[in-house]
């Protein structure tokens, strides 16, 4: 028997945000499907954390700042 994942999405009127509710097991499956649990992705996260710790990053206020470079 194959079950569909239940995902609840809630949006309040006149709000620009949404609330998404998903079962933790389904979330793990979704993350694996998107490649978020692959060894290369996890290694890139580790490299990023090291770069942040070494001060090799610059805080952006907006993505528009990337166009100026």
N, C-alpha and C. Protein backbone atom coordinates (compact mmCIF):
# COMPACT_ATOMS: atom_id res chain seq x y z
N UNK A 1 0.84 -1.18 0.00
CA UNK A 1 0.00 0.00 0.00
C UNK A 1 0.88 1.24 0.00
N UNK A 2 0.69 2.11 -0.95
CA UNK A 2 1.49 3.33 -1.06
C UNK A 2 0.66 4.50 -0.55
N UNK A 3 1.22 5.26 0.38
CA UNK A 3 0.53 6.40 0.96
C UNK A 3 1.09 7.70 0.39
N UNK A 4 0.25 8.66 0.21
CA UNK A 4 0.68 9.99 -0.24
C UNK A 4 1.11 10.79 0.97
N UNK A 5 2.10 11.62 0.81
CA UNK A 5 2.57 12.49 1.88
C UNK A 5 1.54 13.58 2.11
N UNK A 6 1.29 13.87 3.37
CA UNK A 6 0.36 14.93 3.71
C UNK A 6 1.15 16.18 4.05
N UNK A 7 0.92 17.20 3.27
CA UNK A 7 1.55 18.49 3.51
C UNK A 7 0.44 19.51 3.66
N UNK A 8 0.46 20.22 4.76
CA UNK A 8 -0.53 21.25 5.01
C UNK A 8 0.10 22.61 4.76
N UNK A 9 -0.53 23.41 3.93
CA UNK A 9 -0.05 24.76 3.64
C UNK A 9 -1.14 25.73 4.06
N UNK A 10 -0.76 26.68 4.88
CA UNK A 10 -1.72 27.65 5.41
C UNK A 10 -1.23 29.06 5.10
N UNK A 11 -2.13 29.87 4.58
CA UNK A 11 -1.80 31.26 4.30
C UNK A 11 -2.91 32.14 4.84
N UNK A 12 -2.51 33.12 5.63
CA UNK A 12 -3.50 34.04 6.18
C UNK A 12 -3.82 35.12 5.14
N UNK A 13 -5.04 35.62 5.15
CA UNK A 13 -5.40 36.67 4.19
C UNK A 13 -4.48 37.89 4.34
N UNK A 14 -4.12 38.47 3.23
CA UNK A 14 -3.29 39.68 3.18
C UNK A 14 -1.90 39.47 3.77
N UNK A 15 -1.43 38.24 3.82
CA UNK A 15 -0.11 37.94 4.36
C UNK A 15 0.82 37.51 3.23
N UNK A 16 2.08 37.87 3.34
CA UNK A 16 3.07 37.48 2.33
C UNK A 16 3.82 36.22 2.74
N UNK A 17 3.40 35.58 3.81
CA UNK A 17 4.08 34.37 4.26
C UNK A 17 3.09 33.20 4.30
N UNK A 18 3.66 32.00 4.29
CA UNK A 18 2.87 30.78 4.39
C UNK A 18 3.44 29.91 5.50
N UNK A 19 2.61 29.05 6.03
CA UNK A 19 3.03 28.07 7.03
C UNK A 19 2.87 26.70 6.39
N UNK A 20 3.97 25.94 6.35
CA UNK A 20 3.95 24.60 5.75
C UNK A 20 4.20 23.59 6.86
N UNK A 21 3.33 22.62 6.96
CA UNK A 21 3.45 21.57 7.98
C UNK A 21 3.60 20.23 7.27
N UNK A 22 4.66 19.48 7.64
CA UNK A 22 4.93 18.20 7.01
C UNK A 22 5.45 17.23 8.07
N UNK A 23 5.11 15.98 7.94
CA UNK A 23 5.57 14.92 8.85
C UNK A 23 7.09 14.79 8.73
N UNK A 24 7.81 14.54 9.82
CA UNK A 24 9.27 14.49 9.82
C UNK A 24 9.79 13.39 8.90
N UNK A 25 9.12 12.26 8.83
CA UNK A 25 9.55 11.19 7.93
C UNK A 25 9.42 11.61 6.48
N UNK A 26 8.35 12.31 6.17
CA UNK A 26 8.14 12.80 4.81
C UNK A 26 9.17 13.88 4.48
N UNK A 27 9.54 14.69 5.47
CA UNK A 27 10.54 15.73 5.26
C UNK A 27 11.89 15.11 4.92
N UNK A 28 12.26 14.05 5.62
CA UNK A 28 13.52 13.36 5.33
C UNK A 28 13.51 12.79 3.92
N UNK A 29 12.38 12.23 3.51
CA UNK A 29 12.27 11.68 2.17
C UNK A 29 12.37 12.78 1.12
N UNK A 30 11.73 13.91 1.39
CA UNK A 30 11.78 15.04 0.47
C UNK A 30 13.20 15.57 0.36
N UNK A 31 13.88 15.71 1.50
CA UNK A 31 15.27 16.21 1.50
C UNK A 31 16.18 15.26 0.71
N UNK A 32 15.99 13.98 0.87
CA UNK A 32 16.79 13.00 0.14
C UNK A 32 16.50 13.08 -1.36
N UNK A 33 15.25 13.27 -1.72
CA UNK A 33 14.88 13.38 -3.13
C UNK A 33 15.48 14.62 -3.78
N UNK A 34 15.61 15.69 -3.01
CA UNK A 34 16.18 16.93 -3.53
C UNK A 34 17.70 16.94 -3.48
N UNK A 35 18.30 15.89 -2.90
CA UNK A 35 19.75 15.81 -2.82
C UNK A 35 20.34 16.54 -1.65
N UNK A 36 19.53 16.90 -0.68
CA UNK A 36 20.02 17.66 0.47
C UNK A 36 20.74 16.79 1.49
N UNK A 37 20.69 15.49 1.31
CA UNK A 37 21.39 14.59 2.22
C UNK A 37 22.57 13.89 1.54
N UNK A 38 22.90 14.34 0.33
CA UNK A 38 24.02 13.73 -0.39
C UNK A 38 25.33 14.16 0.25
N UNK A 39 26.34 13.34 0.10
CA UNK A 39 27.64 13.63 0.73
C UNK A 39 28.27 14.89 0.16
N UNK A 40 28.09 15.15 -1.13
CA UNK A 40 28.68 16.36 -1.73
C UNK A 40 28.00 17.62 -1.20
N UNK A 41 26.68 17.58 -1.01
CA UNK A 41 25.98 18.75 -0.47
C UNK A 41 26.39 19.00 0.98
N UNK A 42 26.48 17.93 1.77
CA UNK A 42 26.88 18.10 3.17
C UNK A 42 28.31 18.59 3.28
N UNK A 43 29.19 18.17 2.37
CA UNK A 43 30.57 18.65 2.36
C UNK A 43 30.61 20.13 2.01
N UNK A 44 29.75 20.57 1.09
CA UNK A 44 29.72 21.99 0.73
C UNK A 44 29.23 22.84 1.90
N UNK A 45 28.32 22.30 2.69
CA UNK A 45 27.85 23.01 3.88
C UNK A 45 28.99 23.15 4.88
N UNK A 46 29.77 22.11 5.06
CA UNK A 46 30.91 22.17 5.98
C UNK A 46 31.93 23.20 5.52
N UNK A 47 32.22 23.23 4.20
CA UNK A 47 33.16 24.23 3.67
C UNK A 47 32.63 25.64 3.89
N UNK A 48 31.35 25.82 3.69
CA UNK A 48 30.73 27.15 3.88
C UNK A 48 30.84 27.60 5.33
N UNK A 49 30.60 26.69 6.26
CA UNK A 49 30.69 27.04 7.68
C UNK A 49 32.12 27.44 8.04
N UNK A 50 33.12 26.77 7.47
CA UNK A 50 34.51 27.12 7.73
C UNK A 50 34.83 28.50 7.18
N UNK A 51 34.33 28.81 5.96
CA UNK A 51 34.56 30.11 5.36
C UNK A 51 33.93 31.23 6.17
N UNK A 52 32.75 30.96 6.70
CA UNK A 52 32.09 31.95 7.56
C UNK A 52 32.91 32.20 8.81
N UNK A 53 33.42 31.13 9.40
CA UNK A 53 34.25 31.25 10.61
C UNK A 53 35.54 31.99 10.36
N UNK A 54 36.09 31.89 9.14
CA UNK A 54 37.34 32.58 8.80
C UNK A 54 37.10 34.01 8.31
N UNK A 55 35.85 34.41 8.21
CA UNK A 55 35.54 35.77 7.79
C UNK A 55 35.66 35.98 6.29
N UNK A 56 35.55 34.94 5.49
CA UNK A 56 35.67 35.04 4.04
C UNK A 56 34.35 35.41 3.36
N UNK A 57 33.36 35.73 4.13
CA UNK A 57 32.05 36.06 3.57
C UNK A 57 31.73 37.53 3.81
N UNK A 58 30.80 38.03 3.02
CA UNK A 58 30.35 39.41 3.17
C UNK A 58 28.84 39.40 3.28
N UNK A 59 28.31 40.11 4.24
CA UNK A 59 26.87 40.15 4.44
C UNK A 59 26.24 41.06 3.38
N UNK A 60 25.18 40.57 2.76
CA UNK A 60 24.45 41.34 1.76
C UNK A 60 23.12 41.77 2.34
N UNK A 61 22.73 42.98 2.03
CA UNK A 61 21.39 43.43 2.44
C UNK A 61 20.35 43.03 1.41
N UNK A 62 20.80 42.91 0.15
CA UNK A 62 19.89 42.60 -0.94
C UNK A 62 20.66 41.87 -2.03
N UNK A 63 19.98 41.08 -2.82
CA UNK A 63 20.62 40.40 -3.94
C UNK A 63 21.03 41.40 -5.02
N UNK A 64 20.47 42.58 -5.00
CA UNK A 64 20.85 43.63 -5.95
C UNK A 64 22.31 44.03 -5.79
N UNK A 65 22.85 43.88 -4.59
CA UNK A 65 24.24 44.22 -4.35
C UNK A 65 25.18 43.34 -5.18
N UNK A 66 24.76 42.16 -5.57
CA UNK A 66 25.58 41.28 -6.39
C UNK A 66 25.75 41.83 -7.80
N UNK A 67 24.78 42.59 -8.28
CA UNK A 67 24.85 43.17 -9.62
C UNK A 67 25.90 44.27 -9.69
N UNK A 68 26.17 44.95 -8.60
CA UNK A 68 27.11 46.07 -8.57
C UNK A 68 28.55 45.63 -8.75
N UNK A 69 28.84 44.37 -8.49
CA UNK A 69 30.22 43.88 -8.55
C UNK A 69 30.68 43.62 -9.94
